[in-house]
Amino acid sequence: GKNVSPSKHNCINQKIFHHYSGKEGDRYKLSKGELKELLTRELTDFLSDQKDPHLVDKIVKDLDSNKDNEVDFNEFVILVAALTVACNDFFEEQLKTEGF
């Protein structure tokens, strides 16, 4: 497949972010509810593998560096990066167990 340039990748993130962030409160931030909806809809596979029902709350708490109970785009990008690493680690483990 073609490599997606970082700027293009960021546009995808922004599109997803703003699709959810405009629903309630500050349209440039994700409320806890908006983030939960985004994670549930966009990362169904990842979340269904997690056994922790409070995972989303923990994610919001970890990301919300300024403690306003909302996640801005910069905080969201950190989450996307962390999840990308987590998914990559998961994928690499799968490959190892399959003998690659």
PDB file of N, CA and C in Angstrom:
ATOM      1  N   GLY A   1       0.821  -1.207   0.000  1.00  0.00           N
ATOM      2  CA  GLY A   1       0.000   0.000   0.000  1.00  0.00           C
ATOM      3  C   GLY A   1       0.846   1.244   0.000  1.00  0.00           C
ATOM      4  N   LYS A   2       0.209   2.364  -0.298  1.00  0.00           N
ATOM      5  CA  LYS A   2       0.925   3.639  -0.317  1.00  0.00           C
ATOM      6  C   LYS A   2       1.112   4.151   1.106  1.00  0.00           C
ATOM      7  N   ASN A   3       2.244   4.796   1.334  1.00  0.00           N
ATOM      8  CA  ASN A   3       2.463   5.415   2.640  1.00  0.00           C
ATOM      9  C   ASN A   3       1.652   6.690   2.740  1.00  0.00           C
ATOM     10  N   VAL A   4       1.025   6.876   3.883  1.00  0.00           N
ATOM     11  CA  VAL A   4       0.265   8.104   4.115  1.00  0.00           C
ATOM     12  C   VAL A   4       1.212   9.097   4.756  1.00  0.00           C
ATOM     13  N   SER A   5       1.316  10.291   4.181  1.00  0.00           N
ATOM     14  CA  SER A   5       2.221  11.286   4.749  1.00  0.00           C
ATOM     15  C   SER A   5       1.700  11.730   6.108  1.00  0.00           C
ATOM     16  N   PRO A   6       2.610  12.128   7.021  1.00  0.00           N
ATOM     17  CA  PRO A   6       2.175  12.552   8.358  1.00  0.00           C
ATOM     18  C   PRO A   6       1.111  13.643   8.326  1.00  0.00           C
ATOM     19  N   SER A   7       1.249  14.600   7.417  1.00  0.00           N
ATOM     20  CA  SER A   7       0.266  15.685   7.376  1.00  0.00           C
ATOM     21  C   SER A   7      -1.103  15.158   6.948  1.00  0.00           C
ATOM     22  N   LYS A   8      -1.109  14.229   6.018  1.00  0.00           N
ATOM     23  CA  LYS A   8      -2.367  13.625   5.576  1.00  0.00           C
ATOM     24  C   LYS A   8      -2.993  12.828   6.721  1.00  0.00           C
ATOM     25  N   HIS A   9      -2.148  12.105   7.446  1.00  0.00           N
ATOM     26  CA  HIS A   9      -2.605  11.314   8.585  1.00  0.00           C
ATOM     27  C   HIS A   9      -3.232  12.228   9.633  1.00  0.00           C
ATOM     28  N   ASN A  10      -2.610  13.382   9.866  1.00  0.00           N
ATOM     29  CA  ASN A  10      -3.127  14.342  10.835  1.00  0.00           C
ATOM     30  C   ASN A  10      -4.476  14.884  10.399  1.00  0.00           C
ATOM     31  N   CYS A  11      -4.666  15.061   9.101  1.00  0.00           N
ATOM     32  CA  CYS A  11      -5.961  15.526   8.586  1.00  0.00           C
ATOM     33  C   CYS A  11      -7.049  14.507   8.890  1.00  0.00           C
ATOM     34  N   ILE A  12      -6.704  13.233   8.765  1.00  0.00           N
ATOM     35  CA  ILE A  12      -7.670  12.182   9.082  1.00  0.00           C
ATOM     36  C   ILE A  12      -8.052  12.277  10.552  1.00  0.00           C
ATOM     37  N   ASN A  13      -7.029  12.435  11.411  1.00  0.00           N
ATOM     38  CA  ASN A  13      -7.282  12.585  12.847  1.00  0.00           C
ATOM     39  C   ASN A  13      -8.169  13.785  13.122  1.00  0.00           C
ATOM     40  N   GLN A  14      -7.875  14.911  12.453  1.00  0.00           N
ATOM     41  CA  GLN A  14      -8.660  16.126  12.677  1.00  0.00           C
ATOM     42  C   GLN A  14     -10.099  15.936  12.230  1.00  0.00           C
ATOM     43  N   LYS A  15     -10.270  15.261  11.115  1.00  0.00           N
ATOM     44  CA  LYS A  15     -11.617  15.027  10.604  1.00  0.00           C
ATOM     45  C   LYS A  15     -12.424  14.211  11.610  1.00  0.00           C
ATOM     46  N   ILE A  16     -11.821  13.133  12.100  1.00  0.00           N
ATOM     47  CA  ILE A  16     -12.487  12.294  13.103  1.00  0.00           C
ATOM     48  C   ILE A  16     -12.752  13.102  14.364  1.00  0.00           C
ATOM     49  N   PHE A  17     -11.720  13.831  14.815  1.00  0.00           N
ATOM     50  CA  PHE A  17     -11.838  14.624  16.044  1.00  0.00           C
ATOM     51  C   PHE A  17     -13.009  15.598  15.954  1.00  0.00           C
ATOM     52  N   HIS A  18     -13.049  16.378  14.867  1.00  0.00           N
ATOM     53  CA  HIS A  18     -14.086  17.409  14.740  1.00  0.00           C
ATOM     54  C   HIS A  18     -15.470  16.827  14.470  1.00  0.00           C
ATOM     55  N   HIS A  19     -15.508  15.636  13.891  1.00  0.00           N
ATOM     56  CA  HIS A  19     -16.800  14.972  13.687  1.00  0.00           C
ATOM     57  C   HIS A  19     -17.491  14.746  15.033  1.00  0.00           C
ATOM     58  N   TYR A  20     -16.699  14.405  16.045  1.00  0.00           N
ATOM     59  CA  TYR A  20     -17.267  14.117  17.370  1.00  0.00           C
ATOM     60  C   TYR A  20     -17.268  15.333  18.291  1.00  0.00           C
ATOM     61  N   SER A  21     -16.258  16.212  18.153  1.00  0.00           N
ATOM     62  CA  SER A  21     -16.099  17.305  19.121  1.00  0.00           C
ATOM     63  C   SER A  21     -17.181  18.368  19.012  1.00  0.00           C
ATOM     64  N   GLY A  22     -17.884  18.432  17.884  1.00  0.00           N
ATOM     65  CA  GLY A  22     -18.889  19.468  17.705  1.00  0.00           C
ATOM     66  C   GLY A  22     -20.243  19.159  18.307  1.00  0.00           C
ATOM     67  N   LYS A  23     -20.388  17.999  18.912  1.00  0.00           N
ATOM     68  CA  LYS A  23     -21.718  17.559  19.336  1.00  0.00           C
ATOM     69  C   LYS A  23     -22.226  18.238  20.601  1.00  0.00           C
ATOM     70  N   GLU A  24     -21.342  18.478  21.569  1.00  0.00           N
ATOM     71  CA  GLU A  24     -21.780  19.136  22.804  1.00  0.00           C
ATOM     72  C   GLU A  24     -20.670  20.038  23.334  1.00  0.00           C
ATOM     73  N   GLY A  25     -21.046  21.069  24.082  1.00  0.00           N
ATOM     74  CA  GLY A  25     -20.049  21.943  24.705  1.00  0.00           C
ATOM     75  C   GLY A  25     -19.132  22.611  23.694  1.00  0.00           C
ATOM     76  N   ASP A  26     -17.870  22.720  24.051  1.00  0.00           N
ATOM     77  CA  ASP A  26     -16.846  23.372  23.227  1.00  0.00           C
ATOM     78  C   ASP A  26     -16.613  22.550  21.963  1.00  0.00           C
ATOM     79  N   ARG A  27     -16.788  23.178  20.799  1.00  0.00           N
ATOM     80  CA  ARG A  27     -16.653  22.395  19.563  1.00  0.00           C
ATOM     81  C   ARG A  27     -15.204  22.083  19.211  1.00  0.00           C
ATOM     82  N   TYR A  28     -14.262  22.673  19.941  1.00  0.00           N
ATOM     83  CA  TYR A  28     -12.848  22.364  19.691  1.00  0.00           C
ATOM     84  C   TYR A  28     -12.292  21.382  20.723  1.00  0.00           C
ATOM     85  N   LYS A  29     -13.180  20.822  21.535  1.00  0.00           N
ATOM     86  CA  LYS A  29     -12.746  19.840  22.529  1.00  0.00           C
ATOM     87  C   LYS A  29     -13.726  18.677  22.559  1.00  0.00           C
ATOM     88  N   LEU A  30     -13.223  17.540  22.962  1.00  0.00           N
ATOM     89  CA  LEU A  30     -14.073  16.366  23.144  1.00  0.00           C
ATOM     90  C   LEU A  30     -14.457  16.271  24.614  1.00  0.00           C
ATOM     91  N   SER A  31     -15.744  16.205  24.878  1.00  0.00           N
ATOM     92  CA  SER A  31     -16.182  15.918  26.244  1.00  0.00           C
ATOM     93  C   SER A  31     -15.938  14.434  26.498  1.00  0.00           C
ATOM     94  N   LYS A  32     -16.105  14.018  27.738  1.00  0.00           N
ATOM     95  CA  LYS A  32     -15.918  12.600  28.059  1.00  0.00           C
ATOM     96  C   LYS A  32     -16.878  11.744  27.225  1.00  0.00           C
ATOM     97  N   GLY A  33     -18.118  12.192  27.083  1.00  0.00           N
ATOM     98  CA  GLY A  33     -19.106  11.453  26.299  1.00  0.00           C
ATOM     99  C   GLY A  33     -18.724  11.351  24.834  1.00  0.00           C
ATOM    100  N   GLU A  34     -18.235  12.472  24.277  1.00  0.00           N
ATOM    101  CA  GLU A  34     -17.830  12.482  22.866  1.00  0.00           C
ATOM    102  C   GLU A  34     -16.636  11.562  22.642  1.00  0.00           C
ATOM    103  N   LEU A  35     -15.679  11.607  23.567  1.00  0.00           N
ATOM    104  CA  LEU A  35     -14.501  10.753  23.434  1.00  0.00           C
ATOM    105  C   LEU A  35     -14.902   9.281  23.524  1.00  0.00           C
ATOM    106  N   LYS A  36     -15.806   9.002  24.440  1.00  0.00           N
ATOM    107  CA  LYS A  36     -16.285   7.621  24.616  1.00  0.00           C
ATOM    108  C   LYS A  36     -16.935   7.128  23.319  1.00  0.00           C
ATOM    109  N   GLU A  37     -17.759   7.992  22.715  1.00  0.00           N
ATOM    110  CA  GLU A  37     -18.422   7.631  21.460  1.00  0.00           C
ATOM    111  C   GLU A  37     -17.396   7.415  20.353  1.00  0.00           C
ATOM    112  N   LEU A  38     -16.422   8.314  20.264  1.00  0.00           N
ATOM    113  CA  LEU A  38     -15.375   8.209  19.248  1.00  0.00           C
ATOM    114  C   LEU A  38     -14.617   6.888  19.420  1.00  0.00           C
ATOM    115  N   LEU A  39     -14.181   6.610  20.641  1.00  0.00           N
ATOM    116  CA  LEU A  39     -13.413   5.389  20.888  1.00  0.00           C
ATOM    117  C   LEU A  39     -14.243   4.142  20.598  1.00  0.00           C
ATOM    118  N   THR A  40     -15.504   4.173  21.013  1.00  0.00           N
ATOM    119  CA  THR A  40     -16.361   3.002  20.825  1.00  0.00           C
ATOM    120  C   THR A  40     -16.628   2.745  19.350  1.00  0.00           C
ATOM    121  N   ARG A  41     -16.851   3.819  18.594  1.00  0.00           N
ATOM    122  CA  ARG A  41     -17.170   3.654  17.166  1.00  0.00           C
ATOM    123  C   ARG A  41     -15.944   3.398  16.307  1.00  0.00           C
ATOM    124  N   GLU A  42     -14.854   4.123  16.597  1.00  0.00           N
ATOM    125  CA  GLU A  42     -13.674   4.055  15.726  1.00  0.00           C
ATOM    126  C   GLU A  42     -12.723   2.921  16.121  1.00  0.00           C
ATOM    127  N   LEU A  43     -12.770   2.493  17.369  1.00  0.00           N
ATOM    128  CA  LEU A  43     -11.809   1.500  17.848  1.00  0.00           C
ATOM    129  C   LEU A  43     -12.511   0.294  18.459  1.00  0.00           C
ATOM    130  N   THR A  44     -13.579  -0.132  17.829  1.00  0.00           N
ATOM    131  CA  THR A  44     -14.386  -1.224  18.360  1.00  0.00           C
ATOM    132  C   THR A  44     -13.541  -2.458  18.671  1.00  0.00           C
ATOM    133  N   ASP A  45     -12.694  -2.868  17.729  1.00  0.00           N
ATOM    134  CA  ASP A  45     -11.886  -4.082  17.905  1.00  0.00           C
ATOM    135  C   ASP A  45     -10.947  -3.949  19.092  1.00  0.00           C
ATOM    136  N   PHE A  46     -10.264  -2.799  19.158  1.00  0.00           N
ATOM    137  CA  PHE A  46      -9.305  -2.579  20.240  1.00  0.00           C
ATOM    138  C   PHE A  46     -10.009  -2.610  21.595  1.00  0.00           C
ATOM    139  N   LEU A  47     -11.137  -1.898  21.708  1.00  0.00           N
ATOM    140  CA  LEU A  47     -11.844  -1.820  22.984  1.00  0.00           C
ATOM    141  C   LEU A  47     -12.476  -3.148  23.375  1.00  0.00           C
ATOM    142  N   SER A  48     -12.926  -3.912  22.400  1.00  0.00           N
ATOM    143  CA  SER A  48     -13.571  -5.187  22.735  1.00  0.00           C
ATOM    144  C   SER A  48     -12.560  -6.188  23.292  1.00  0.00           C
ATOM    145  N   ASP A  49     -11.267  -5.981  22.976  1.00  0.00           N
ATOM    146  CA  ASP A  49     -10.219  -6.839  23.538  1.00  0.00           C
ATOM    147  C   ASP A  49      -9.867  -6.456  24.971  1.00  0.00           C
ATOM    148  N   GLN A  50     -10.241  -5.251  25.383  1.00  0.00           N
ATOM    149  CA  GLN A  50      -9.920  -4.773  26.727  1.00  0.00           C
ATOM    150  C   GLN A  50     -10.982  -5.249  27.704  1.00  0.00           C
ATOM    151  N   LYS A  51     -10.537  -5.733  28.840  1.00  0.00           N
ATOM    152  CA  LYS A  51     -11.474  -6.262  29.829  1.00  0.00           C
ATOM    153  C   LYS A  51     -11.911  -5.188  30.834  1.00  0.00           C
ATOM    154  N   ASP A  52     -11.286  -4.015  30.782  1.00  0.00           N
ATOM    155  CA  ASP A  52     -11.535  -2.983  31.785  1.00  0.00           C
ATOM    156  C   ASP A  52     -12.700  -2.081  31.382  1.00  0.00           C
ATOM    157  N   PRO A  53     -13.833  -2.136  32.104  1.00  0.00           N
ATOM    158  CA  PRO A  53     -14.985  -1.301  31.745  1.00  0.00           C
ATOM    159  C   PRO A  53     -14.735   0.194  31.990  1.00  0.00           C
ATOM    160  N   HIS A  54     -13.700   0.503  32.786  1.00  0.00           N
ATOM    161  CA  HIS A  54     -13.403   1.908  33.095  1.00  0.00           C
ATOM    162  C   HIS A  54     -12.262   2.454  32.242  1.00  0.00           C
ATOM    163  N   LEU A  55     -11.899   1.710  31.191  1.00  0.00           N
ATOM    164  CA  LEU A  55     -10.759   2.100  30.363  1.00  0.00           C
ATOM    165  C   LEU A  55     -10.913   3.506  29.794  1.00  0.00           C
ATOM    166  N   VAL A  56     -12.094   3.816  29.256  1.00  0.00           N
ATOM    167  CA  VAL A  56     -12.304   5.131  28.643  1.00  0.00           C
ATOM    168  C   VAL A  56     -12.145   6.239  29.682  1.00  0.00           C
ATOM    169  N   ASP A  57     -12.706   6.037  30.882  1.00  0.00           N
ATOM    170  CA  ASP A  57     -12.555   7.030  31.948  1.00  0.00           C
ATOM    171  C   ASP A  57     -11.088   7.240  32.291  1.00  0.00           C
ATOM    172  N   LYS A  58     -10.335   6.142  32.349  1.00  0.00           N
ATOM    173  CA  LYS A  58      -8.901   6.243  32.646  1.00  0.00           C
ATOM    174  C   LYS A  58      -8.179   6.995  31.534  1.00  0.00           C
ATOM    175  N   ILE A  59      -8.548   6.709  30.290  1.00  0.00           N
ATOM    176  CA  ILE A  59      -7.927   7.389  29.150  1.00  0.00           C
ATOM    177  C   ILE A  59      -8.174   8.892  29.247  1.00  0.00           C
ATOM    178  N   VAL A  60      -9.426   9.282  29.513  1.00  0.00           N
ATOM    179  CA  VAL A  60      -9.759  10.707  29.636  1.00  0.00           C
ATOM    180  C   VAL A  60      -8.936  11.335  30.752  1.00  0.00           C
ATOM    181  N   LYS A  61      -8.872  10.657  31.892  1.00  0.00           N
ATOM    182  CA  LYS A  61      -8.136  11.184  33.044  1.00  0.00           C
ATOM    183  C   LYS A  61      -6.656  11.371  32.708  1.00  0.00           C
ATOM    184  N   ASP A  62      -6.072  10.383  32.033  1.00  0.00           N
ATOM    185  CA  ASP A  62      -4.657  10.455  31.665  1.00  0.00           C
ATOM    186  C   ASP A  62      -4.385  11.562  30.654  1.00  0.00           C
ATOM    187  N   LEU A  63      -5.286  11.725  29.698  1.00  0.00           N
ATOM    188  CA  LEU A  63      -5.070  12.691  28.623  1.00  0.00           C
ATOM    189  C   LEU A  63      -5.345  14.114  29.046  1.00  0.00           C
ATOM    190  N   ASP A  64      -6.282  14.269  29.962  1.00  0.00           N
ATOM    191  CA  ASP A  64      -6.793  15.588  30.312  1.00  0.00           C
ATOM    192  C   ASP A  64      -5.791  16.325  31.187  1.00  0.00           C
ATOM    193  N   SER A  65      -4.703  16.791  30.566  1.00  0.00           N
ATOM    194  CA  SER A  65      -3.604  17.382  31.323  1.00  0.00           C
ATOM    195  C   SER A  65      -4.003  18.650  32.073  1.00  0.00           C
ATOM    196  N   ASN A  66      -4.961  19.418  31.538  1.00  0.00           N
ATOM    197  CA  ASN A  66      -5.357  20.656  32.220  1.00  0.00           C
ATOM    198  C   ASN A  66      -6.599  20.480  33.093  1.00  0.00           C
ATOM    199  N   LYS A  67      -7.037  19.241  33.274  1.00  0.00           N
ATOM    200  CA  LYS A  67      -8.119  18.886  34.209  1.00  0.00           C
ATOM    201  C   LYS A  67      -9.436  19.623  33.952  1.00  0.00           C
ATOM    202  N   ASP A  68      -9.783  19.870  32.684  1.00  0.00           N
ATOM    203  CA  ASP A  68     -11.068  20.531  32.406  1.00  0.00           C
ATOM    204  C   ASP A  68     -12.143  19.510  32.021  1.00  0.00           C
ATOM    205  N   ASN A  69     -11.801  18.224  32.181  1.00  0.00           N
ATOM    206  CA  ASN A  69     -12.731  17.131  31.871  1.00  0.00           C
ATOM    207  C   ASN A  69     -13.071  17.057  30.387  1.00  0.00           C
ATOM    208  N   GLU A  70     -12.224  17.669  29.576  1.00  0.00           N
ATOM    209  CA  GLU A  70     -12.378  17.606  28.124  1.00  0.00           C
ATOM    210  C   GLU A  70     -11.011  17.332  27.513  1.00  0.00           C
ATOM    211  N   VAL A  71     -11.021  16.867  26.288  1.00  0.00           N
ATOM    212  CA  VAL A  71      -9.779  16.542  25.597  1.00  0.00           C
ATOM    213  C   VAL A  71      -9.675  17.422  24.359  1.00  0.00           C
ATOM    214  N   ASP A  72      -8.612  18.233  24.282  1.00  0.00           N
ATOM    215  CA  ASP A  72      -8.439  19.061  23.087  1.00  0.00           C
ATOM    216  C   ASP A  72      -7.673  18.268  22.023  1.00  0.00           C
ATOM    217  N   PHE A  73      -7.462  18.887  20.867  1.00  0.00           N
ATOM    218  CA  PHE A  73      -6.865  18.135  19.762  1.00  0.00           C
ATOM    219  C   PHE A  73      -5.454  17.656  20.090  1.00  0.00           C
ATOM    220  N   ASN A  74      -4.658  18.508  20.767  1.00  0.00           N
ATOM    221  CA  ASN A  74      -3.291  18.103  21.115  1.00  0.00           C
ATOM    222  C   ASN A  74      -3.291  16.885  22.032  1.00  0.00           C
ATOM    223  N   GLU A  75      -4.214  16.884  22.996  1.00  0.00           N
ATOM    224  CA  GLU A  75      -4.326  15.744  23.902  1.00  0.00           C
ATOM    225  C   GLU A  75      -4.793  14.502  23.131  1.00  0.00           C
ATOM    226  N   PHE A  76      -5.676  14.714  22.162  1.00  0.00           N
ATOM    227  CA  PHE A  76      -6.193  13.624  21.333  1.00  0.00           C
ATOM    228  C   PHE A  76      -5.079  12.988  20.495  1.00  0.00           C
ATOM    229  N   VAL A  77      -4.190  13.831  19.939  1.00  0.00           N
ATOM    230  CA  VAL A  77      -3.087  13.324  19.115  1.00  0.00           C
ATOM    231  C   VAL A  77      -2.181  12.413  19.948  1.00  0.00           C
ATOM    232  N   ILE A  78      -1.972  12.773  21.220  1.00  0.00           N
ATOM    233  CA  ILE A  78      -1.173  11.946  22.121  1.00  0.00           C
ATOM    234  C   ILE A  78      -1.831  10.572  22.283  1.00  0.00           C
ATOM    235  N   LEU A  79      -3.152  10.573  22.422  1.00  0.00           N
ATOM    236  CA  LEU A  79      -3.899   9.313  22.538  1.00  0.00           C
ATOM    237  C   LEU A  79      -3.728   8.469  21.278  1.00  0.00           C
ATOM    238  N   VAL A  80      -3.888   9.097  20.124  1.00  0.00           N
ATOM    239  CA  VAL A  80      -3.775   8.372  18.851  1.00  0.00           C
ATOM    240  C   VAL A  80      -2.388   7.740  18.739  1.00  0.00           C
ATOM    241  N   ALA A  81      -1.354   8.508  19.112  1.00  0.00           N
ATOM    242  CA  ALA A  81       0.014   7.982  19.061  1.00  0.00           C
ATOM    243  C   ALA A  81       0.176   6.797  20.008  1.00  0.00           C
ATOM    244  N   ALA A  82      -0.347   6.933  21.228  1.00  0.00           N
ATOM    245  CA  ALA A  82      -0.237   5.857  22.221  1.00  0.00           C
ATOM    246  C   ALA A  82      -0.972   4.604  21.751  1.00  0.00           C
ATOM    247  N   LEU A  83      -2.161   4.799  21.186  1.00  0.00           N
ATOM    248  CA  LEU A  83      -2.939   3.658  20.697  1.00  0.00           C
ATOM    249  C   LEU A  83      -2.261   3.001  19.502  1.00  0.00           C
ATOM    250  N   THR A  84      -1.630   3.816  18.659  1.00  0.00           N
ATOM    251  CA  THR A  84      -0.918   3.284  17.500  1.00  0.00           C
ATOM    252  C   THR A  84       0.207   2.370  17.964  1.00  0.00           C
ATOM    253  N   VAL A  85       0.945   2.821  18.983  1.00  0.00           N
ATOM    254  CA  VAL A  85       2.026   2.014  19.547  1.00  0.00           C
ATOM    255  C   VAL A  85       1.460   0.734  20.160  1.00  0.00           C
ATOM    256  N   ALA A  86       0.370   0.871  20.925  1.00  0.00           N
ATOM    257  CA  ALA A  86      -0.253  -0.294  21.564  1.00  0.00           C
ATOM    258  C   ALA A  86      -0.724  -1.302  20.520  1.00  0.00           C
ATOM    259  N   CYS A  87      -1.354  -0.807  19.462  1.00  0.00           N
ATOM    260  CA  CYS A  87      -1.842  -1.691  18.394  1.00  0.00           C
ATOM    261  C   CYS A  87      -0.678  -2.357  17.679  1.00  0.00           C
ATOM    262  N   ASN A  88       0.399  -1.596  17.462  1.00  0.00           N
ATOM    263  CA  ASN A  88       1.579  -2.132  16.804  1.00  0.00           C
ATOM    264  C   ASN A  88       2.207  -3.238  17.651  1.00  0.00           C
ATOM    265  N   ASP A  89       2.322  -2.999  18.965  1.00  0.00           N
ATOM    266  CA  ASP A  89       2.869  -4.015  19.869  1.00  0.00           C
ATOM    267  C   ASP A  89       2.016  -5.280  19.821  1.00  0.00           C
ATOM    268  N   PHE A  90       0.700  -5.076  19.851  1.00  0.00           N
ATOM    269  CA  PHE A  90      -0.247  -6.185  19.797  1.00  0.00           C
ATOM    270  C   PHE A  90      -0.045  -6.979  18.498  1.00  0.00           C
ATOM    271  N   PHE A  91       0.084  -6.252  17.381  1.00  0.00           N
ATOM    272  CA  PHE A  91       0.263  -6.865  16.072  1.00  0.00           C
ATOM    273  C   PHE A  91       1.576  -7.644  16.014  1.00  0.00           C
ATOM    274  N   GLU A  92       2.654  -7.046  16.557  1.00  0.00           N
ATOM    275  CA  GLU A  92       3.950  -7.722  16.562  1.00  0.00           C
ATOM    276  C   GLU A  92       3.898  -9.002  17.388  1.00  0.00           C
ATOM    277  N   GLU A  93       3.192  -8.963  18.525  1.00  0.00           N
ATOM    278  CA  GLU A  93       3.028 -10.161  19.354  1.00  0.00           C
ATOM    279  C   GLU A  93       2.292 -11.248  18.571  1.00  0.00           C
ATOM    280  N   GLN A  94       1.247 -10.843  17.843  1.00  0.00           N
ATOM    281  CA  GLN A  94       0.487 -11.790  17.018  1.00  0.00           C
ATOM    282  C   GLN A  94       1.410 -12.456  15.998  1.00  0.00           C
ATOM    283  N   LEU A  95       2.255 -11.643  15.356  1.00  0.00           N
ATOM    284  CA  LEU A  95       3.174 -12.180  14.349  1.00  0.00           C
ATOM    285  C   LEU A  95       4.150 -13.169  14.978  1.00  0.00           C
ATOM    286  N   LYS A  96       4.667 -12.820  16.170  1.00  0.00           N
ATOM    287  CA  LYS A  96       5.617 -13.708  16.851  1.00  0.00           C
ATOM    288  C   LYS A  96       4.968 -15.047  17.173  1.00  0.00           C
ATOM    289  N   THR A  97       3.733 -15.010  17.666  1.00  0.00           N
ATOM    290  CA  THR A  97       3.063 -16.262  18.035  1.00  0.00           C
ATOM    291  C   THR A  97       2.738 -17.091  16.796  1.00  0.00           C
ATOM    292  N   GLU A  98       2.632 -16.426  15.650  1.00  0.00           N
ATOM    293  CA  GLU A  98       2.362 -17.155  14.408  1.00  0.00           C
ATOM    294  C   GLU A  98       3.652 -17.585  13.722  1.00  0.00           C
ATOM    295  N   GLY A  99       4.798 -17.272  14.361  1.00  0.00           N
ATOM    296  CA  GLY A  99       6.080 -17.761  13.868  1.00  0.00           C
ATOM    297  C   GLY A  99       6.752 -16.910  12.808  1.00  0.00           C
ATOM    298  N   PHE A 100       6.415 -15.620  12.718  1.00  0.00           N
ATOM    299  CA  PHE A 100       7.071 -14.755  11.731  1.00  0.00           C
ATOM    300  C   PHE A 100       8.321 -14.126  12.303  1.00  0.00           C
TER     301      PHE A 100
END
